[in-house]
Amino acid sequence: MILIPAFQGLAGPWWQPEAKAMLTGLTAATERGHIANAALESIAWQIRILLEGMGTPSSISVDGGVTRSDY
């Protein structure tokens, strides 16, 4: 399952405000946990894409509730 979290368009590095959110791969067996997993993975992918665009920083800082996830 893949979630594209463009609920208000895509930000850096593409800057496409007209982009729309998308959730693909739903089946009859999809449960809430699958969607939550896709959401967490989408955050990781967004960070990876931004870091690749910036180069390798010496450190990064994070905050917010999602940082408490063991995933």
C-alpha atoms as a PDB file:
ATOM      1  CA  MET A   1       0.000   0.000   0.000  1.00  0.00           C
ATOM      2  CA  ILE A   2       1.278   3.459  -0.847  1.00  0.00           C
ATOM      3  CA  LEU A   3       0.124   6.804   0.524  1.00  0.00           C
ATOM      4  CA  ILE A   4       1.018  10.025  -1.271  1.00  0.00           C
ATOM      5  CA  PRO A   5       0.315  12.612   1.465  1.00  0.00           C
ATOM      6  CA  ALA A   6      -0.236  15.622  -0.785  1.00  0.00           C
ATOM      7  CA  PHE A   7      -3.286  16.831   1.128  1.00  0.00           C
ATOM      8  CA  GLN A   8      -2.325  20.433   0.384  1.00  0.00           C
ATOM      9  CA  GLY A   9      -0.137  19.766  -2.640  1.00  0.00           C
ATOM     10  CA  LEU A  10       3.486  18.650  -2.691  1.00  0.00           C
ATOM     11  CA  ALA A  11       6.141  20.784  -1.090  1.00  0.00           C
ATOM     12  CA  GLY A  12       9.914  20.568  -1.647  1.00  0.00           C
ATOM     13  CA  PRO A  13      11.617  19.500  -3.712  1.00  0.00           C
ATOM     14  CA  TRP A  14       8.838  19.531  -6.343  1.00  0.00           C
ATOM     15  CA  TRP A  15       6.568  22.404  -5.240  1.00  0.00           C
ATOM     16  CA  GLN A  16       3.375  21.245  -6.929  1.00  0.00           C
ATOM     17  CA  PRO A  17       0.474  22.882  -5.092  1.00  0.00           C
ATOM     18  CA  GLU A  18      -2.068  21.255  -7.437  1.00  0.00           C
ATOM     19  CA  ALA A  19      -0.994  17.687  -6.525  1.00  0.00           C
ATOM     20  CA  LYS A  20      -3.602  15.524  -4.806  1.00  0.00           C
ATOM     21  CA  ALA A  21      -3.291  12.947  -2.043  1.00  0.00           C
ATOM     22  CA  MET A  22      -3.557   9.316  -3.074  1.00  0.00           C
ATOM     23  CA  LEU A  23      -3.860   5.962  -1.316  1.00  0.00           C
ATOM     24  CA  THR A  24      -3.283   2.922  -3.529  1.00  0.00           C
ATOM     25  CA  GLY A  25      -3.252  -0.797  -2.916  1.00  0.00           C
ATOM     26  CA  LEU A  26      -6.461  -1.072  -0.888  1.00  0.00           C
ATOM     27  CA  THR A  27      -8.069  -4.512  -0.833  1.00  0.00           C
ATOM     28  CA  ALA A  28     -10.888  -6.136   1.109  1.00  0.00           C
ATOM     29  CA  ALA A  29      -8.255  -7.325   3.599  1.00  0.00           C
ATOM     30  CA  THR A  30      -6.942  -3.799   4.319  1.00  0.00           C
ATOM     31  CA  GLU A  31      -7.120  -2.850   7.990  1.00  0.00           C
ATOM     32  CA  ARG A  32      -6.449   0.379   9.867  1.00  0.00           C
ATOM     33  CA  GLY A  33      -2.957  -0.784  10.716  1.00  0.00           C
ATOM     34  CA  HIS A  34      -2.088  -1.115   7.030  1.00  0.00           C
ATOM     35  CA  ILE A  35      -3.140   2.486   6.408  1.00  0.00           C
ATOM     36  CA  ALA A  36      -1.220   3.689   9.480  1.00  0.00           C
ATOM     37  CA  ASN A  37       1.860   1.827   8.222  1.00  0.00           C
ATOM     38  CA  ALA A  38       1.518   3.478   4.804  1.00  0.00           C
ATOM     39  CA  ALA A  39       1.268   6.890   6.499  1.00  0.00           C
ATOM     40  CA  LEU A  40       4.459   6.316   8.519  1.00  0.00           C
ATOM     41  CA  GLU A  41       6.300   5.064   5.449  1.00  0.00           C
ATOM     42  CA  SER A  42       5.189   8.135   3.490  1.00  0.00           C
ATOM     43  CA  ILE A  43       6.770  10.371   6.131  1.00  0.00           C
ATOM     44  CA  ALA A  44      10.038   8.448   5.863  1.00  0.00           C
ATOM     45  CA  TRP A  45      10.010   8.689   2.060  1.00  0.00           C
ATOM     46  CA  GLN A  46       9.356  12.433   2.150  1.00  0.00           C
ATOM     47  CA  ILE A  47      12.273  12.945   4.528  1.00  0.00           C
ATOM     48  CA  ARG A  48      14.532  10.782   2.375  1.00  0.00           C
ATOM     49  CA  ILE A  49      13.670  12.751  -0.764  1.00  0.00           C
ATOM     50  CA  LEU A  50      14.339  16.072   0.969  1.00  0.00           C
ATOM     51  CA  LEU A  51      17.631  14.855   2.437  1.00  0.00           C
ATOM     52  CA  GLU A  52      18.771  13.579  -0.960  1.00  0.00           C
ATOM     53  CA  GLY A  53      18.039  17.009  -2.401  1.00  0.00           C
ATOM     54  CA  MET A  54      19.986  18.744   0.373  1.00  0.00           C
ATOM     55  CA  GLY A  55      22.926  16.403   0.511  1.00  0.00           C
ATOM     56  CA  THR A  56      23.943  14.643   3.700  1.00  0.00           C
ATOM     57  CA  PRO A  57      23.507  16.883   6.748  1.00  0.00           C
ATOM     58  CA  SER A  58      25.717  16.335   9.764  1.00  0.00           C
ATOM     59  CA  SER A  59      22.605  16.041  11.954  1.00  0.00           C
ATOM     60  CA  ILE A  60      18.841  16.466  11.891  1.00  0.00           C
ATOM     61  CA  SER A  61      16.372  17.284  14.661  1.00  0.00           C
ATOM     62  CA  VAL A  62      12.830  15.964  14.856  1.00  0.00           C
ATOM     63  CA  ASP A  63       9.778  16.684  16.976  1.00  0.00           C
ATOM     64  CA  GLY A  64       6.085  15.950  17.084  1.00  0.00           C
ATOM     65  CA  GLY A  65       4.000  12.999  18.138  1.00  0.00           C
ATOM     66  CA  VAL A  66       5.095  10.721  15.317  1.00  0.00           C
ATOM     67  CA  THR A  67       8.629  10.676  16.773  1.00  0.00           C
ATOM     68  CA  ARG A  68       7.298   8.483  19.600  1.00  0.00           C
ATOM     69  CA  SER A  69       6.513   5.695  17.136  1.00  0.00           C
ATOM     70  CA  ASP A  70       8.668   2.603  17.556  1.00  0.00           C
ATOM     71  CA  TYR A  71       8.213   1.982  13.840  1.00  0.00           C
END
